[in-house]
N, C-alpha and C. Protein backbone atom coordinates (compact mmCIF):
# COMPACT_ATOMS: atom_id res chain seq x y z
N MET A 1 3.87 -14.39 36.50
CA MET A 1 3.50 -15.29 37.58
C MET A 1 4.24 -14.89 38.85
N LEU A 2 3.56 -14.89 39.94
CA LEU A 2 4.14 -14.54 41.24
C LEU A 2 4.89 -15.77 41.80
N PRO A 3 6.18 -15.63 42.05
CA PRO A 3 6.94 -16.77 42.57
C PRO A 3 6.81 -16.96 44.06
N ALA A 4 5.59 -16.92 44.54
CA ALA A 4 5.29 -17.11 45.97
C ALA A 4 3.84 -17.51 46.08
N LYS A 5 3.48 -18.14 47.21
CA LYS A 5 2.09 -18.51 47.44
C LYS A 5 1.35 -17.38 48.16
N VAL A 6 0.19 -17.02 47.65
CA VAL A 6 -0.64 -16.03 48.31
C VAL A 6 -1.36 -16.68 49.49
N VAL A 7 -1.17 -16.13 50.67
CA VAL A 7 -1.76 -16.68 51.89
C VAL A 7 -3.09 -16.03 52.18
N SER A 8 -3.19 -14.71 51.92
CA SER A 8 -4.46 -14.00 52.13
C SER A 8 -4.43 -12.73 51.27
N ALA A 9 -5.63 -12.12 51.13
CA ALA A 9 -5.77 -10.90 50.34
C ALA A 9 -6.89 -10.05 50.92
N SER A 10 -6.69 -8.74 50.83
CA SER A 10 -7.72 -7.79 51.26
C SER A 10 -7.47 -6.47 50.55
N LEU A 11 -8.46 -5.57 50.59
CA LEU A 11 -8.23 -4.24 50.11
C LEU A 11 -7.47 -3.46 51.15
N ILE A 12 -6.88 -2.34 50.79
CA ILE A 12 -6.07 -1.59 51.73
C ILE A 12 -6.86 -1.12 52.96
N ASP A 13 -8.18 -0.97 52.79
CA ASP A 13 -9.02 -0.56 53.95
C ASP A 13 -9.45 -1.76 54.80
N GLY A 14 -8.99 -2.96 54.45
CA GLY A 14 -9.30 -4.14 55.22
C GLY A 14 -10.48 -4.92 54.73
N SER A 15 -11.25 -4.40 53.76
CA SER A 15 -12.41 -5.13 53.24
C SER A 15 -11.96 -6.28 52.32
N ALA A 16 -12.89 -7.16 52.04
CA ALA A 16 -12.57 -8.40 51.34
C ALA A 16 -12.17 -8.21 49.88
N ALA A 17 -11.24 -9.05 49.46
CA ALA A 17 -10.85 -9.17 48.06
C ALA A 17 -10.58 -10.66 47.84
N SER A 18 -11.00 -11.14 46.70
CA SER A 18 -10.78 -12.55 46.41
C SER A 18 -9.63 -12.67 45.39
N VAL A 19 -8.68 -13.52 45.72
CA VAL A 19 -7.55 -13.76 44.81
C VAL A 19 -7.42 -15.24 44.59
N ARG A 20 -7.38 -15.63 43.33
CA ARG A 20 -7.19 -17.04 42.96
C ARG A 20 -5.86 -17.13 42.25
N GLN A 21 -4.99 -17.99 42.72
CA GLN A 21 -3.66 -18.14 42.14
C GLN A 21 -3.66 -19.37 41.26
N THR A 22 -3.25 -19.17 40.00
CA THR A 22 -3.18 -20.27 39.05
C THR A 22 -1.77 -20.34 38.47
N ALA A 23 -1.49 -21.34 37.66
CA ALA A 23 -0.18 -21.44 37.01
C ALA A 23 0.06 -20.26 36.08
N GLU A 24 -1.03 -19.63 35.59
CA GLU A 24 -0.92 -18.52 34.67
C GLU A 24 -0.75 -17.18 35.34
N GLY A 25 -1.10 -17.08 36.62
CA GLY A 25 -0.96 -15.81 37.32
C GLY A 25 -2.00 -15.68 38.43
N LEU A 26 -2.33 -14.43 38.75
CA LEU A 26 -3.31 -14.15 39.78
C LEU A 26 -4.61 -13.62 39.16
N GLU A 27 -5.73 -14.09 39.65
CA GLU A 27 -7.01 -13.57 39.25
C GLU A 27 -7.60 -12.87 40.47
N VAL A 28 -7.75 -11.56 40.38
CA VAL A 28 -8.23 -10.74 41.50
C VAL A 28 -9.68 -10.35 41.23
N ASP A 29 -10.52 -10.55 42.23
CA ASP A 29 -11.93 -10.17 42.12
C ASP A 29 -12.27 -9.22 43.26
N VAL A 30 -12.58 -7.99 42.87
CA VAL A 30 -12.99 -6.97 43.84
C VAL A 30 -14.40 -6.56 43.49
N PRO A 31 -15.32 -6.60 44.43
CA PRO A 31 -16.69 -6.17 44.11
C PRO A 31 -16.70 -4.77 43.51
N VAL A 32 -17.53 -4.55 42.49
CA VAL A 32 -17.58 -3.29 41.79
C VAL A 32 -17.79 -2.13 42.77
N THR A 33 -18.60 -2.32 43.79
CA THR A 33 -18.87 -1.26 44.74
C THR A 33 -17.64 -0.90 45.59
N GLN A 34 -16.63 -1.77 45.62
CA GLN A 34 -15.43 -1.54 46.39
C GLN A 34 -14.28 -0.98 45.54
N ARG A 35 -14.49 -0.83 44.24
CA ARG A 35 -13.43 -0.36 43.35
C ARG A 35 -13.36 1.16 43.40
N ASN A 36 -12.15 1.68 43.44
CA ASN A 36 -11.92 3.12 43.43
C ASN A 36 -11.75 3.56 41.97
N GLU A 37 -12.29 4.69 41.62
CA GLU A 37 -12.24 5.17 40.24
C GLU A 37 -10.81 5.36 39.77
N ILE A 38 -9.92 5.81 40.62
CA ILE A 38 -8.53 6.08 40.22
C ILE A 38 -7.63 4.88 40.45
N ASP A 39 -7.73 4.26 41.61
CA ASP A 39 -6.93 3.07 41.89
C ASP A 39 -7.63 2.21 42.93
N THR A 40 -7.37 0.95 42.86
CA THR A 40 -7.87 0.01 43.84
C THR A 40 -6.66 -0.79 44.31
N ILE A 41 -6.34 -0.70 45.57
CA ILE A 41 -5.13 -1.34 46.09
C ILE A 41 -5.50 -2.62 46.82
N VAL A 42 -4.91 -3.71 46.37
CA VAL A 42 -5.13 -5.03 46.98
C VAL A 42 -3.83 -5.39 47.72
N VAL A 43 -4.01 -5.77 48.99
CA VAL A 43 -2.88 -6.16 49.83
C VAL A 43 -2.79 -7.68 49.83
N LEU A 44 -1.64 -8.21 49.46
CA LEU A 44 -1.42 -9.65 49.45
C LEU A 44 -0.46 -10.04 50.53
N ALA A 45 -0.79 -11.06 51.29
CA ALA A 45 0.15 -11.68 52.23
C ALA A 45 0.66 -12.94 51.52
N ILE A 46 2.00 -13.08 51.46
CA ILE A 46 2.59 -14.21 50.75
C ILE A 46 3.47 -15.01 51.69
N ASP A 47 3.87 -16.19 51.23
CA ASP A 47 4.58 -17.11 52.09
C ASP A 47 6.11 -16.93 52.09
N LYS A 48 6.59 -15.79 51.57
CA LYS A 48 8.03 -15.51 51.63
C LYS A 48 8.24 -14.01 51.72
N GLU A 49 9.46 -13.61 51.96
CA GLU A 49 9.77 -12.19 52.10
C GLU A 49 9.65 -11.50 50.73
N ALA A 50 8.81 -10.47 50.66
CA ALA A 50 8.54 -9.80 49.40
C ALA A 50 9.79 -9.13 48.80
N HIS A 51 10.68 -8.65 49.62
CA HIS A 51 11.86 -7.97 49.10
C HIS A 51 12.82 -8.92 48.38
N ARG A 52 12.60 -10.21 48.51
CA ARG A 52 13.44 -11.20 47.82
C ARG A 52 12.89 -11.57 46.44
N ILE A 53 11.75 -11.01 46.08
CA ILE A 53 11.13 -11.32 44.79
C ILE A 53 11.50 -10.22 43.80
N ASN A 54 11.98 -10.60 42.61
CA ASN A 54 12.31 -9.65 41.58
C ASN A 54 11.05 -8.95 41.09
N PRO A 55 11.15 -7.70 40.62
CA PRO A 55 9.97 -6.96 40.14
C PRO A 55 9.26 -7.72 38.99
N ILE A 56 7.94 -7.63 39.02
CA ILE A 56 7.11 -8.30 38.00
C ILE A 56 6.50 -7.21 37.13
N THR A 57 6.67 -7.34 35.81
CA THR A 57 6.12 -6.36 34.88
C THR A 57 4.69 -6.73 34.57
N SER A 58 3.79 -5.75 34.66
CA SER A 58 2.40 -6.02 34.31
C SER A 58 2.11 -5.47 32.92
N VAL A 59 1.23 -6.13 32.22
CA VAL A 59 0.86 -5.73 30.87
C VAL A 59 -0.60 -5.31 30.86
N ALA A 60 -0.92 -4.21 30.20
CA ALA A 60 -2.30 -3.75 30.12
C ALA A 60 -3.15 -4.77 29.34
N SER A 61 -4.40 -4.86 29.70
CA SER A 61 -5.32 -5.77 29.00
C SER A 61 -5.40 -5.39 27.54
N LEU A 62 -5.45 -6.38 26.67
CA LEU A 62 -5.64 -6.12 25.24
C LEU A 62 -7.01 -5.50 24.96
N ASN A 63 -7.94 -5.62 25.89
CA ASN A 63 -9.27 -5.05 25.73
C ASN A 63 -9.30 -3.55 26.07
N SER A 64 -8.21 -3.02 26.64
CA SER A 64 -8.20 -1.63 27.09
C SER A 64 -8.60 -0.69 25.96
N GLY A 65 -9.59 0.14 26.22
CA GLY A 65 -10.04 1.14 25.24
C GLY A 65 -10.97 0.59 24.19
N ALA A 66 -11.28 -0.69 24.24
CA ALA A 66 -12.16 -1.29 23.23
C ALA A 66 -13.60 -0.83 23.41
N ARG A 67 -14.35 -0.89 22.34
CA ARG A 67 -15.79 -0.61 22.36
C ARG A 67 -16.49 -1.89 21.93
N ALA A 68 -17.52 -2.30 22.69
CA ALA A 68 -18.26 -3.53 22.38
C ALA A 68 -19.62 -3.17 21.80
N ILE A 69 -20.00 -3.87 20.74
CA ILE A 69 -21.35 -3.74 20.16
C ILE A 69 -21.88 -5.14 19.90
N ALA A 70 -23.19 -5.27 19.72
CA ALA A 70 -23.78 -6.57 19.50
C ALA A 70 -25.00 -6.46 18.61
N SER A 71 -25.37 -7.58 18.03
CA SER A 71 -26.51 -7.63 17.11
C SER A 71 -27.84 -7.59 17.84
N ASN A 72 -27.85 -7.93 19.13
CA ASN A 72 -29.09 -8.03 19.90
C ASN A 72 -28.77 -7.81 21.37
N VAL A 73 -29.67 -7.13 22.08
CA VAL A 73 -29.53 -6.94 23.52
C VAL A 73 -30.88 -7.28 24.16
N TYR A 74 -30.84 -8.06 25.19
CA TYR A 74 -32.06 -8.50 25.86
C TYR A 74 -32.97 -7.31 26.21
N GLN A 75 -34.12 -7.28 25.57
CA GLN A 75 -35.14 -6.26 25.77
C GLN A 75 -34.59 -4.83 25.71
N ASN A 76 -33.50 -4.65 24.95
CA ASN A 76 -32.82 -3.35 24.83
C ASN A 76 -32.47 -2.75 26.20
N ASN A 77 -32.23 -3.60 27.17
CA ASN A 77 -31.94 -3.22 28.53
C ASN A 77 -30.43 -2.95 28.67
N PRO A 78 -30.02 -1.72 29.02
CA PRO A 78 -28.60 -1.42 29.14
C PRO A 78 -27.87 -2.26 30.19
N SER A 79 -28.58 -2.85 31.12
CA SER A 79 -27.96 -3.72 32.10
C SER A 79 -27.38 -4.98 31.47
N TYR A 80 -27.81 -5.28 30.23
CA TYR A 80 -27.33 -6.46 29.50
C TYR A 80 -26.61 -6.07 28.23
N SER A 81 -26.06 -4.85 28.19
CA SER A 81 -25.37 -4.35 26.99
C SER A 81 -24.07 -5.11 26.74
N PRO A 82 -23.58 -5.07 25.50
CA PRO A 82 -22.32 -5.75 25.20
C PRO A 82 -21.13 -5.19 25.98
N ALA A 83 -21.22 -3.94 26.46
CA ALA A 83 -20.15 -3.37 27.28
C ALA A 83 -19.89 -4.20 28.53
N MET A 84 -20.88 -4.95 28.98
CA MET A 84 -20.71 -5.77 30.19
C MET A 84 -19.67 -6.88 29.96
N THR A 85 -19.35 -7.21 28.71
CA THR A 85 -18.39 -8.29 28.44
C THR A 85 -16.95 -7.81 28.53
N ILE A 86 -16.73 -6.49 28.66
CA ILE A 86 -15.36 -5.98 28.78
C ILE A 86 -15.18 -5.11 30.01
N ASP A 87 -16.07 -5.28 31.00
CA ASP A 87 -15.99 -4.48 32.23
C ASP A 87 -15.15 -5.12 33.33
N GLY A 88 -14.64 -6.33 33.09
CA GLY A 88 -13.81 -7.02 34.06
C GLY A 88 -14.58 -7.62 35.22
N ASP A 89 -15.90 -7.63 35.12
CA ASP A 89 -16.77 -8.15 36.19
C ASP A 89 -17.53 -9.36 35.65
N GLU A 90 -17.19 -10.54 36.12
CA GLU A 90 -17.81 -11.77 35.63
C GLU A 90 -19.26 -11.93 36.12
N LYS A 91 -19.69 -11.04 37.01
CA LYS A 91 -21.08 -11.13 37.48
C LYS A 91 -22.05 -10.33 36.59
N THR A 92 -21.51 -9.50 35.67
CA THR A 92 -22.36 -8.81 34.71
C THR A 92 -22.30 -9.58 33.41
N ARG A 93 -23.25 -9.34 32.50
CA ARG A 93 -23.24 -10.08 31.26
C ARG A 93 -24.01 -9.39 30.15
N TRP A 94 -23.61 -9.72 28.92
CA TRP A 94 -24.38 -9.37 27.74
C TRP A 94 -25.40 -10.48 27.54
N ALA A 95 -26.63 -10.12 27.31
CA ALA A 95 -27.65 -11.14 27.07
C ALA A 95 -28.47 -10.77 25.85
N THR A 96 -29.02 -11.79 25.20
CA THR A 96 -29.86 -11.60 24.03
C THR A 96 -31.29 -11.99 24.37
N ASP A 97 -32.21 -11.61 23.51
CA ASP A 97 -33.60 -11.95 23.72
C ASP A 97 -33.81 -13.46 23.70
N ALA A 98 -34.75 -13.95 24.50
CA ALA A 98 -35.06 -15.37 24.56
C ALA A 98 -35.40 -15.85 23.15
N GLY A 99 -34.91 -17.01 22.81
CA GLY A 99 -35.18 -17.59 21.49
C GLY A 99 -34.23 -17.14 20.40
N THR A 100 -33.30 -16.26 20.70
CA THR A 100 -32.32 -15.82 19.70
C THR A 100 -31.40 -16.99 19.36
N ARG A 101 -31.33 -17.34 18.10
CA ARG A 101 -30.51 -18.48 17.69
C ARG A 101 -29.17 -18.05 17.06
N LYS A 102 -29.13 -16.85 16.47
CA LYS A 102 -27.92 -16.31 15.88
C LYS A 102 -27.69 -14.90 16.40
N ALA A 103 -26.45 -14.60 16.72
CA ALA A 103 -26.12 -13.27 17.21
C ALA A 103 -24.61 -13.08 17.10
N TRP A 104 -24.17 -11.86 17.22
CA TRP A 104 -22.74 -11.60 17.26
C TRP A 104 -22.41 -10.53 18.31
N LEU A 105 -21.20 -10.66 18.84
CA LEU A 105 -20.64 -9.74 19.82
C LEU A 105 -19.30 -9.29 19.25
N GLN A 106 -19.13 -7.98 19.10
CA GLN A 106 -17.95 -7.44 18.42
C GLN A 106 -17.19 -6.44 19.26
N LEU A 107 -15.87 -6.52 19.21
CA LEU A 107 -15.00 -5.54 19.87
C LEU A 107 -14.28 -4.74 18.82
N ASP A 108 -14.34 -3.42 18.93
CA ASP A 108 -13.57 -2.52 18.08
C ASP A 108 -12.43 -2.01 18.96
N LEU A 109 -11.21 -2.33 18.60
CA LEU A 109 -10.04 -2.04 19.44
C LEU A 109 -9.51 -0.61 19.20
N LYS A 110 -9.96 0.07 18.15
CA LYS A 110 -9.54 1.43 17.81
C LYS A 110 -8.08 1.50 17.37
N ARG A 111 -7.38 0.38 17.36
CA ARG A 111 -6.00 0.31 16.87
C ARG A 111 -5.73 -1.16 16.54
N SER A 112 -4.79 -1.40 15.66
CA SER A 112 -4.44 -2.78 15.31
C SER A 112 -3.48 -3.36 16.34
N GLN A 113 -3.66 -4.63 16.64
CA GLN A 113 -2.74 -5.34 17.55
C GLN A 113 -2.80 -6.83 17.27
N ASP A 114 -1.77 -7.54 17.70
CA ASP A 114 -1.70 -8.98 17.52
C ASP A 114 -2.41 -9.67 18.67
N ILE A 115 -3.19 -10.69 18.35
CA ILE A 115 -3.81 -11.55 19.35
C ILE A 115 -3.59 -13.00 18.97
N GLY A 116 -3.67 -13.89 19.95
CA GLY A 116 -3.50 -15.30 19.70
C GLY A 116 -4.61 -16.15 20.25
N GLY A 117 -5.70 -15.49 20.65
CA GLY A 117 -6.85 -16.24 21.17
C GLY A 117 -7.81 -15.34 21.88
N VAL A 118 -8.86 -15.98 22.40
CA VAL A 118 -9.88 -15.26 23.18
C VAL A 118 -10.24 -16.13 24.38
N ARG A 119 -10.72 -15.45 25.41
CA ARG A 119 -11.26 -16.12 26.58
C ARG A 119 -12.72 -15.70 26.69
N ILE A 120 -13.60 -16.67 26.79
CA ILE A 120 -15.04 -16.41 26.86
C ILE A 120 -15.55 -16.98 28.19
N VAL A 121 -16.16 -16.11 29.00
CA VAL A 121 -16.67 -16.51 30.30
C VAL A 121 -18.20 -16.43 30.25
N GLN A 122 -18.84 -17.50 30.73
CA GLN A 122 -20.32 -17.55 30.80
C GLN A 122 -20.72 -18.02 32.19
N GLU A 123 -21.88 -17.59 32.63
CA GLU A 123 -22.39 -18.15 33.87
C GLU A 123 -22.66 -19.64 33.65
N LYS A 124 -22.38 -20.42 34.65
CA LYS A 124 -22.51 -21.89 34.52
C LYS A 124 -23.91 -22.29 34.04
N ALA A 125 -24.93 -21.60 34.50
CA ALA A 125 -26.31 -21.95 34.14
C ALA A 125 -26.59 -21.75 32.65
N TYR A 126 -25.79 -20.92 31.97
CA TYR A 126 -26.03 -20.61 30.56
C TYR A 126 -24.95 -21.19 29.65
N ALA A 127 -24.01 -21.91 30.17
CA ALA A 127 -22.85 -22.34 29.42
C ALA A 127 -23.10 -23.39 28.34
N ASP A 128 -24.30 -23.92 28.27
CA ASP A 128 -24.60 -24.92 27.25
C ASP A 128 -25.40 -24.37 26.07
N ARG A 129 -25.65 -23.08 26.06
CA ARG A 129 -26.55 -22.51 25.05
C ARG A 129 -25.95 -22.42 23.65
N ILE A 130 -24.69 -22.07 23.53
CA ILE A 130 -24.07 -21.87 22.20
C ILE A 130 -23.63 -23.22 21.66
N THR A 131 -24.13 -23.57 20.47
CA THR A 131 -23.81 -24.88 19.89
C THR A 131 -22.92 -24.81 18.65
N ARG A 132 -22.77 -23.60 18.09
CA ARG A 132 -21.88 -23.43 16.90
C ARG A 132 -21.48 -21.97 16.83
N PHE A 133 -20.17 -21.73 16.66
CA PHE A 133 -19.69 -20.34 16.64
C PHE A 133 -18.39 -20.23 15.83
N GLN A 134 -18.04 -19.00 15.52
CA GLN A 134 -16.77 -18.67 14.89
C GLN A 134 -16.19 -17.46 15.59
N ILE A 135 -14.88 -17.40 15.70
CA ILE A 135 -14.17 -16.19 16.10
C ILE A 135 -13.66 -15.57 14.81
N GLU A 136 -14.09 -14.35 14.55
CA GLU A 136 -13.75 -13.67 13.30
C GLU A 136 -13.02 -12.38 13.61
N TYR A 137 -12.30 -11.87 12.59
CA TYR A 137 -11.52 -10.63 12.80
C TYR A 137 -11.39 -9.87 11.49
N ARG A 138 -11.10 -8.57 11.66
CA ARG A 138 -10.71 -7.70 10.56
C ARG A 138 -9.50 -6.91 10.98
N SER A 139 -8.56 -6.73 10.08
CA SER A 139 -7.35 -5.96 10.40
C SER A 139 -7.59 -4.48 10.29
N SER A 140 -8.62 -4.08 9.57
CA SER A 140 -8.98 -2.68 9.47
C SER A 140 -10.44 -2.55 9.89
N GLY A 141 -10.96 -1.33 9.87
CA GLY A 141 -12.35 -1.12 10.27
C GLY A 141 -13.37 -1.51 9.25
N SER A 142 -12.92 -2.03 8.11
CA SER A 142 -13.87 -2.43 7.07
C SER A 142 -13.30 -3.65 6.34
N GLY A 143 -14.04 -4.13 5.36
CA GLY A 143 -13.58 -5.30 4.62
C GLY A 143 -14.23 -6.56 5.14
N PRO A 144 -13.89 -7.67 4.51
CA PRO A 144 -14.54 -8.94 4.89
C PRO A 144 -14.01 -9.43 6.25
N TRP A 145 -14.88 -10.18 6.93
CA TRP A 145 -14.49 -10.84 8.16
C TRP A 145 -13.72 -12.10 7.81
N LEU A 146 -12.61 -12.35 8.49
CA LEU A 146 -11.82 -13.54 8.30
C LEU A 146 -12.00 -14.43 9.53
N THR A 147 -11.89 -15.73 9.36
CA THR A 147 -12.12 -16.68 10.45
C THR A 147 -10.82 -17.08 11.11
N ALA A 148 -10.76 -16.90 12.43
CA ALA A 148 -9.58 -17.30 13.21
C ALA A 148 -9.81 -18.67 13.85
N ALA A 149 -11.06 -18.99 14.21
CA ALA A 149 -11.36 -20.26 14.87
C ALA A 149 -12.83 -20.61 14.66
N VAL A 150 -13.13 -21.90 14.64
CA VAL A 150 -14.49 -22.41 14.52
C VAL A 150 -14.72 -23.39 15.65
N GLY A 151 -15.91 -23.35 16.25
CA GLY A 151 -16.20 -24.26 17.33
C GLY A 151 -17.61 -24.82 17.26
N SER A 152 -17.77 -26.01 17.83
CA SER A 152 -19.07 -26.67 17.80
C SER A 152 -19.87 -26.39 19.07
N SER A 153 -19.19 -25.94 20.14
CA SER A 153 -19.95 -25.58 21.35
C SER A 153 -19.05 -24.78 22.28
N LEU A 154 -19.70 -24.01 23.14
CA LEU A 154 -19.01 -23.30 24.23
C LEU A 154 -19.71 -23.82 25.49
N ASN A 155 -19.38 -25.04 25.89
CA ASN A 155 -20.14 -25.66 26.97
C ASN A 155 -19.44 -25.63 28.33
N LYS A 156 -18.43 -24.73 28.47
CA LYS A 156 -17.75 -24.57 29.77
C LYS A 156 -17.95 -23.13 30.22
N PRO A 157 -18.02 -22.89 31.52
CA PRO A 157 -18.17 -21.51 32.00
C PRO A 157 -16.98 -20.61 31.63
N ASP A 158 -15.79 -21.21 31.49
CA ASP A 158 -14.60 -20.42 31.19
C ASP A 158 -13.83 -21.14 30.07
N SER A 159 -13.85 -20.57 28.87
CA SER A 159 -13.21 -21.22 27.70
C SER A 159 -12.15 -20.35 27.12
N LYS A 160 -10.98 -20.94 26.86
CA LYS A 160 -9.91 -20.25 26.13
C LYS A 160 -9.80 -20.92 24.77
N ILE A 161 -9.85 -20.08 23.74
CA ILE A 161 -9.77 -20.59 22.36
C ILE A 161 -8.51 -19.97 21.75
N HIS A 162 -7.53 -20.80 21.47
CA HIS A 162 -6.26 -20.32 20.91
C HIS A 162 -6.22 -20.55 19.41
N PHE A 163 -5.53 -19.66 18.73
CA PHE A 163 -5.37 -19.77 17.28
C PHE A 163 -4.06 -19.11 16.87
N ALA A 164 -3.66 -19.29 15.61
CA ALA A 164 -2.44 -18.67 15.09
C ALA A 164 -2.56 -17.15 15.24
N THR A 165 -1.45 -16.51 15.53
CA THR A 165 -1.43 -15.07 15.72
C THR A 165 -2.02 -14.31 14.53
N VAL A 166 -2.93 -13.40 14.83
CA VAL A 166 -3.51 -12.54 13.78
C VAL A 166 -3.44 -11.11 14.25
N ASN A 167 -3.31 -10.18 13.28
CA ASN A 167 -3.31 -8.76 13.58
C ASN A 167 -4.74 -8.26 13.36
N VAL A 168 -5.31 -7.67 14.39
CA VAL A 168 -6.74 -7.32 14.36
C VAL A 168 -6.97 -5.86 14.74
N ARG A 169 -8.04 -5.33 14.22
CA ARG A 169 -8.60 -4.05 14.68
C ARG A 169 -9.98 -4.32 15.27
N GLN A 170 -10.69 -5.30 14.70
CA GLN A 170 -12.01 -5.70 15.19
C GLN A 170 -12.02 -7.22 15.33
N VAL A 171 -12.69 -7.67 16.38
CA VAL A 171 -12.84 -9.11 16.67
C VAL A 171 -14.29 -9.35 17.00
N ARG A 172 -14.84 -10.46 16.53
CA ARG A 172 -16.21 -10.77 16.95
C ARG A 172 -16.39 -12.26 17.20
N LEU A 173 -17.27 -12.52 18.14
CA LEU A 173 -17.79 -13.85 18.39
C LEU A 173 -19.07 -13.94 17.57
N ASN A 174 -19.04 -14.72 16.53
CA ASN A 174 -20.20 -14.89 15.65
C ASN A 174 -20.89 -16.20 16.07
N ILE A 175 -22.03 -16.06 16.72
CA ILE A 175 -22.77 -17.22 17.21
C ILE A 175 -23.69 -17.68 16.08
N LEU A 176 -23.43 -18.87 15.58
CA LEU A 176 -24.14 -19.39 14.41
C LEU A 176 -25.36 -20.21 14.77
N ASP A 177 -25.41 -20.78 15.99
CA ASP A 177 -26.56 -21.54 16.41
C ASP A 177 -26.51 -21.74 17.94
N THR A 178 -27.69 -21.88 18.50
CA THR A 178 -27.85 -22.11 19.93
C THR A 178 -28.91 -23.17 20.18
N ILE A 179 -29.08 -23.54 21.42
CA ILE A 179 -30.19 -24.41 21.76
C ILE A 179 -31.50 -23.64 21.51
N PRO A 180 -32.63 -24.33 21.33
CA PRO A 180 -33.86 -23.66 20.91
C PRO A 180 -34.43 -22.64 21.88
N PHE A 181 -34.20 -22.76 23.17
CA PHE A 181 -34.81 -21.80 24.12
C PHE A 181 -33.68 -20.97 24.73
N GLY A 182 -34.03 -19.81 25.20
CA GLY A 182 -33.02 -18.93 25.79
C GLY A 182 -32.03 -18.45 24.76
N GLY A 183 -31.59 -17.22 24.85
CA GLY A 183 -30.60 -16.69 23.91
C GLY A 183 -29.21 -16.77 24.50
N PRO A 184 -28.19 -16.59 23.66
CA PRO A 184 -26.82 -16.61 24.16
C PRO A 184 -26.58 -15.46 25.14
N THR A 185 -25.70 -15.69 26.09
CA THR A 185 -25.34 -14.69 27.08
C THR A 185 -23.88 -14.91 27.48
N ILE A 186 -23.10 -13.82 27.47
CA ILE A 186 -21.66 -13.88 27.71
C ILE A 186 -21.29 -12.89 28.83
N SER A 187 -20.51 -13.36 29.79
CA SER A 187 -20.07 -12.49 30.90
C SER A 187 -18.82 -11.71 30.56
N GLU A 188 -17.83 -12.35 29.97
CA GLU A 188 -16.59 -11.67 29.61
C GLU A 188 -16.11 -12.20 28.26
N PHE A 189 -15.57 -11.28 27.44
CA PHE A 189 -14.98 -11.60 26.15
C PHE A 189 -13.60 -10.92 26.15
N GLU A 190 -12.56 -11.70 26.42
CA GLU A 190 -11.22 -11.17 26.62
C GLU A 190 -10.29 -11.61 25.51
N LEU A 191 -9.51 -10.69 25.01
CA LEU A 191 -8.52 -11.02 23.99
C LEU A 191 -7.25 -11.51 24.66
N LEU A 192 -6.61 -12.52 24.06
CA LEU A 192 -5.39 -13.09 24.63
C LEU A 192 -4.20 -12.75 23.72
N ALA A 193 -3.08 -12.42 24.33
CA ALA A 193 -1.85 -12.16 23.59
C ALA A 193 -1.38 -13.45 22.95
N PRO A 194 -0.59 -13.34 21.89
CA PRO A 194 -0.12 -14.55 21.21
C PRO A 194 0.64 -15.52 22.12
N THR A 195 1.25 -15.06 23.17
CA THR A 195 2.04 -15.94 24.05
C THR A 195 1.19 -16.51 25.18
N ASP A 196 -0.07 -16.02 25.40
CA ASP A 196 -0.92 -16.56 26.46
C ASP A 196 -1.30 -17.98 26.14
N LYS A 197 -1.28 -18.85 27.16
CA LYS A 197 -1.67 -20.25 26.96
C LYS A 197 -2.82 -20.58 27.85
């Protein structure tokens, strides 16, 4: 968490960047077209002298290097592929065919790691579609799926689901039922560290 208030934000070239400061940290939104392949520098103006703030350690996303797959993709259109749920852009999304009632979205982490929850982001217009789901995991690349959490609905655009720490190699959102029309659609599927609240 940054121990100062962000007054304004921009990219180093002066173009717009959106920063939202919460109790948990900073949420930075840079349009995909403005992101640099190697680095994207965001300039923050804060309400105190920066040299008086102790260094802040950043942690890589638990999703780094993950591969996303899904049981269904809307009209097999790559613009709605499961990879859209781990691209860091809440304006893209994984979507399923209209009328899909059951589906799953899976992340293969390529290595085992501890997690303590997931964050699921949906567009507000679609946030009422999922009516029953489970968060499931496997510690290896095979074997039975184990249940970390069960839910009756994902009716908020931004949901954090916390559970006891589990060591995972694969994680999936198993959608067990939805409303009768329209299929499930997810913008972001983010893994949370055991200490994230």
